[in-house]
Amino acid sequence: MTYYSPQLIQTMRDALDTAMSKVPMDHAIPGLKAHLAEFILHAAAQGLTSYDSLVVAASDQIQTIISALT
């Protein structure tokens, strides 16, 4: 199991909140948030640990996820 420091967990939460703020309100559903969280976790597991890189990793997937969920 991968261990994340409390600081990185907070950074991932902040990145998720920022990415969700970029989602159009009519698409801001719990499933989308869960998918974005998965992308952030995957990015962190690959070594991307800065706030900016995690936001980009999630934000780059928004349209793809919306298309898949609708």
N, C-alpha and C. Protein backbone atom coordinates (compact mmCIF):
# COMPACT_ATOMS: atom_id res chain seq x y z
N MET A 1 0.83 -1.17 0.00
CA MET A 1 0.00 0.00 0.00
C MET A 1 0.89 1.25 0.00
N THR A 2 0.49 2.21 -0.77
CA THR A 2 1.23 3.46 -0.85
C THR A 2 0.91 4.34 0.35
N TYR A 3 1.94 4.95 0.91
CA TYR A 3 1.77 5.85 2.04
C TYR A 3 1.92 7.29 1.54
N TYR A 4 0.99 8.14 1.94
CA TYR A 4 1.07 9.56 1.61
C TYR A 4 1.15 10.35 2.91
N SER A 5 2.03 11.31 2.95
CA SER A 5 2.18 12.15 4.14
C SER A 5 0.93 13.00 4.34
N PRO A 6 0.68 13.44 5.55
CA PRO A 6 -0.47 14.33 5.79
C PRO A 6 -0.41 15.60 4.92
N GLN A 7 0.79 16.11 4.69
CA GLN A 7 0.93 17.31 3.85
C GLN A 7 0.51 17.02 2.42
N LEU A 8 0.93 15.85 1.89
CA LEU A 8 0.56 15.50 0.52
C LEU A 8 -0.94 15.24 0.42
N ILE A 9 -1.51 14.62 1.41
CA ILE A 9 -2.95 14.39 1.41
C ILE A 9 -3.70 15.71 1.35
N GLN A 10 -3.25 16.69 2.12
CA GLN A 10 -3.89 18.01 2.07
C GLN A 10 -3.70 18.66 0.70
N THR A 11 -2.52 18.52 0.12
CA THR A 11 -2.26 19.06 -1.21
C THR A 11 -3.18 18.41 -2.24
N MET A 12 -3.37 17.09 -2.12
CA MET A 12 -4.27 16.38 -3.05
C MET A 12 -5.71 16.86 -2.87
N ARG A 13 -6.14 17.07 -1.63
CA ARG A 13 -7.49 17.59 -1.38
C ARG A 13 -7.67 18.98 -2.00
N ASP A 14 -6.68 19.82 -1.79
CA ASP A 14 -6.74 21.18 -2.35
C ASP A 14 -6.78 21.14 -3.87
N ALA A 15 -5.97 20.25 -4.46
CA ALA A 15 -5.95 20.11 -5.93
C ALA A 15 -7.30 19.62 -6.43
N LEU A 16 -7.92 18.69 -5.72
CA LEU A 16 -9.23 18.20 -6.10
C LEU A 16 -10.27 19.31 -6.04
N ASP A 17 -10.24 20.09 -4.99
CA ASP A 17 -11.18 21.22 -4.87
C ASP A 17 -11.00 22.21 -6.01
N THR A 18 -9.76 22.50 -6.35
CA THR A 18 -9.49 23.43 -7.45
C THR A 18 -9.96 22.86 -8.78
N ALA A 19 -9.67 21.58 -9.02
CA ALA A 19 -10.11 20.95 -10.27
C ALA A 19 -11.64 20.94 -10.35
N MET A 20 -12.30 20.65 -9.23
CA MET A 20 -13.77 20.64 -9.24
C MET A 20 -14.33 22.02 -9.51
N SER A 21 -13.62 23.06 -9.11
CA SER A 21 -14.11 24.42 -9.37
C SER A 21 -14.08 24.76 -10.86
N LYS A 22 -13.37 23.96 -11.64
CA LYS A 22 -13.29 24.17 -13.10
C LYS A 22 -14.35 23.38 -13.85
N VAL A 23 -15.10 22.55 -13.14
CA VAL A 23 -16.14 21.74 -13.76
C VAL A 23 -17.41 22.57 -13.88
N PRO A 24 -18.04 22.57 -15.07
CA PRO A 24 -19.31 23.29 -15.20
C PRO A 24 -20.32 22.76 -14.16
N MET A 25 -21.07 23.65 -13.56
CA MET A 25 -21.95 23.30 -12.45
C MET A 25 -22.92 22.17 -12.81
N ASP A 26 -23.41 22.12 -14.02
CA ASP A 26 -24.37 21.08 -14.39
C ASP A 26 -23.72 19.70 -14.54
N HIS A 27 -22.40 19.63 -14.48
CA HIS A 27 -21.69 18.36 -14.57
C HIS A 27 -20.99 17.99 -13.25
N ALA A 28 -21.12 18.82 -12.25
CA ALA A 28 -20.42 18.60 -10.97
C ALA A 28 -21.18 17.56 -10.14
N ILE A 29 -20.99 16.30 -10.51
CA ILE A 29 -21.66 15.20 -9.82
C ILE A 29 -20.64 14.40 -9.02
N PRO A 30 -21.10 13.67 -8.01
CA PRO A 30 -20.14 12.91 -7.19
C PRO A 30 -19.27 11.94 -7.99
N GLY A 31 -19.80 11.31 -9.02
CA GLY A 31 -19.01 10.38 -9.83
C GLY A 31 -17.84 11.07 -10.50
N LEU A 32 -18.05 12.28 -10.96
CA LEU A 32 -16.97 13.02 -11.59
C LEU A 32 -15.89 13.36 -10.58
N LYS A 33 -16.30 13.75 -9.39
CA LYS A 33 -15.33 14.08 -8.34
C LYS A 33 -14.51 12.85 -7.98
N ALA A 34 -15.15 11.70 -7.92
CA ALA A 34 -14.43 10.46 -7.62
C ALA A 34 -13.41 10.14 -8.71
N HIS A 35 -13.79 10.34 -9.96
CA HIS A 35 -12.86 10.09 -11.06
C HIS A 35 -11.66 11.04 -11.00
N LEU A 36 -11.93 12.31 -10.73
CA LEU A 36 -10.82 13.27 -10.62
C LEU A 36 -9.90 12.89 -9.46
N ALA A 37 -10.48 12.44 -8.36
CA ALA A 37 -9.67 12.01 -7.22
C ALA A 37 -8.77 10.84 -7.62
N GLU A 38 -9.30 9.93 -8.43
CA GLU A 38 -8.49 8.80 -8.90
C GLU A 38 -7.31 9.28 -9.72
N PHE A 39 -7.53 10.25 -10.60
CA PHE A 39 -6.43 10.78 -11.40
C PHE A 39 -5.38 11.45 -10.53
N ILE A 40 -5.82 12.15 -9.50
CA ILE A 40 -4.88 12.79 -8.59
C ILE A 40 -4.07 11.75 -7.83
N LEU A 41 -4.73 10.71 -7.35
CA LEU A 41 -4.01 9.63 -6.66
C LEU A 41 -3.01 8.96 -7.58
N HIS A 42 -3.42 8.71 -8.80
CA HIS A 42 -2.51 8.08 -9.77
C HIS A 42 -1.31 8.98 -10.05
N ALA A 43 -1.56 10.26 -10.23
CA ALA A 43 -0.46 11.20 -10.48
C ALA A 43 0.50 11.24 -9.31
N ALA A 44 -0.03 11.26 -8.09
CA ALA A 44 0.82 11.26 -6.90
C ALA A 44 1.65 9.98 -6.82
N ALA A 45 1.03 8.86 -7.16
CA ALA A 45 1.75 7.58 -7.14
C ALA A 45 2.87 7.56 -8.17
N GLN A 46 2.72 8.35 -9.24
CA GLN A 46 3.75 8.44 -10.27
C GLN A 46 4.81 9.49 -9.95
N GLY A 47 4.68 10.14 -8.80
CA GLY A 47 5.69 11.09 -8.38
C GLY A 47 5.34 12.56 -8.54
N LEU A 48 4.17 12.85 -9.07
CA LEU A 48 3.74 14.25 -9.18
C LEU A 48 3.14 14.64 -7.84
N THR A 49 3.82 15.48 -7.11
CA THR A 49 3.35 15.80 -5.76
C THR A 49 3.12 17.29 -5.52
N SER A 50 3.41 18.12 -6.50
CA SER A 50 3.16 19.55 -6.28
C SER A 50 1.69 19.85 -6.56
N TYR A 51 1.20 20.86 -5.90
CA TYR A 51 -0.19 21.29 -6.08
C TYR A 51 -0.49 21.54 -7.56
N ASP A 52 0.37 22.31 -8.21
CA ASP A 52 0.13 22.67 -9.61
C ASP A 52 0.08 21.45 -10.51
N SER A 53 1.00 20.50 -10.32
CA SER A 53 1.02 19.32 -11.19
C SER A 53 -0.21 18.45 -10.95
N LEU A 54 -0.69 18.39 -9.73
CA LEU A 54 -1.88 17.60 -9.44
C LEU A 54 -3.13 18.26 -10.01
N VAL A 55 -3.21 19.57 -9.94
CA VAL A 55 -4.34 20.29 -10.54
C VAL A 55 -4.36 20.06 -12.04
N VAL A 56 -3.21 20.16 -12.68
CA VAL A 56 -3.14 19.94 -14.13
C VAL A 56 -3.53 18.51 -14.47
N ALA A 57 -3.01 17.55 -13.71
CA ALA A 57 -3.32 16.14 -13.98
C ALA A 57 -4.83 15.89 -13.94
N ALA A 58 -5.51 16.48 -12.98
CA ALA A 58 -6.96 16.30 -12.88
C ALA A 58 -7.70 17.14 -13.91
N SER A 59 -7.32 18.39 -14.05
CA SER A 59 -8.02 19.29 -14.96
C SER A 59 -7.96 18.82 -16.41
N ASP A 60 -6.85 18.22 -16.79
CA ASP A 60 -6.71 17.71 -18.15
C ASP A 60 -7.71 16.60 -18.47
N GLN A 61 -8.29 16.00 -17.46
CA GLN A 61 -9.22 14.88 -17.65
C GLN A 61 -10.68 15.26 -17.56
N ILE A 62 -10.99 16.49 -17.25
CA ILE A 62 -12.37 16.89 -17.00
C ILE A 62 -13.27 16.59 -18.19
N GLN A 63 -12.90 17.05 -19.36
CA GLN A 63 -13.77 16.84 -20.53
C GLN A 63 -13.93 15.37 -20.88
N THR A 64 -12.85 14.61 -20.74
CA THR A 64 -12.92 13.18 -21.01
C THR A 64 -13.90 12.50 -20.07
N ILE A 65 -13.82 12.84 -18.80
CA ILE A 65 -14.71 12.24 -17.80
C ILE A 65 -16.15 12.65 -18.04
N ILE A 66 -16.37 13.93 -18.33
CA ILE A 66 -17.73 14.40 -18.60
C ILE A 66 -18.31 13.64 -19.78
N SER A 67 -17.53 13.47 -20.82
CA SER A 67 -18.01 12.74 -22.01
C SER A 67 -18.35 11.30 -21.67
N ALA A 68 -17.55 10.67 -20.83
CA ALA A 68 -17.79 9.28 -20.48
C ALA A 68 -19.02 9.11 -19.58
N LEU A 69 -19.29 10.11 -18.75
CA LEU A 69 -20.39 10.02 -17.79
C LEU A 69 -21.73 10.49 -18.35
N THR A 70 -21.70 11.13 -19.52
CA THR A 70 -22.97 11.64 -20.07
C THR A 70 -23.34 10.91 -21.33
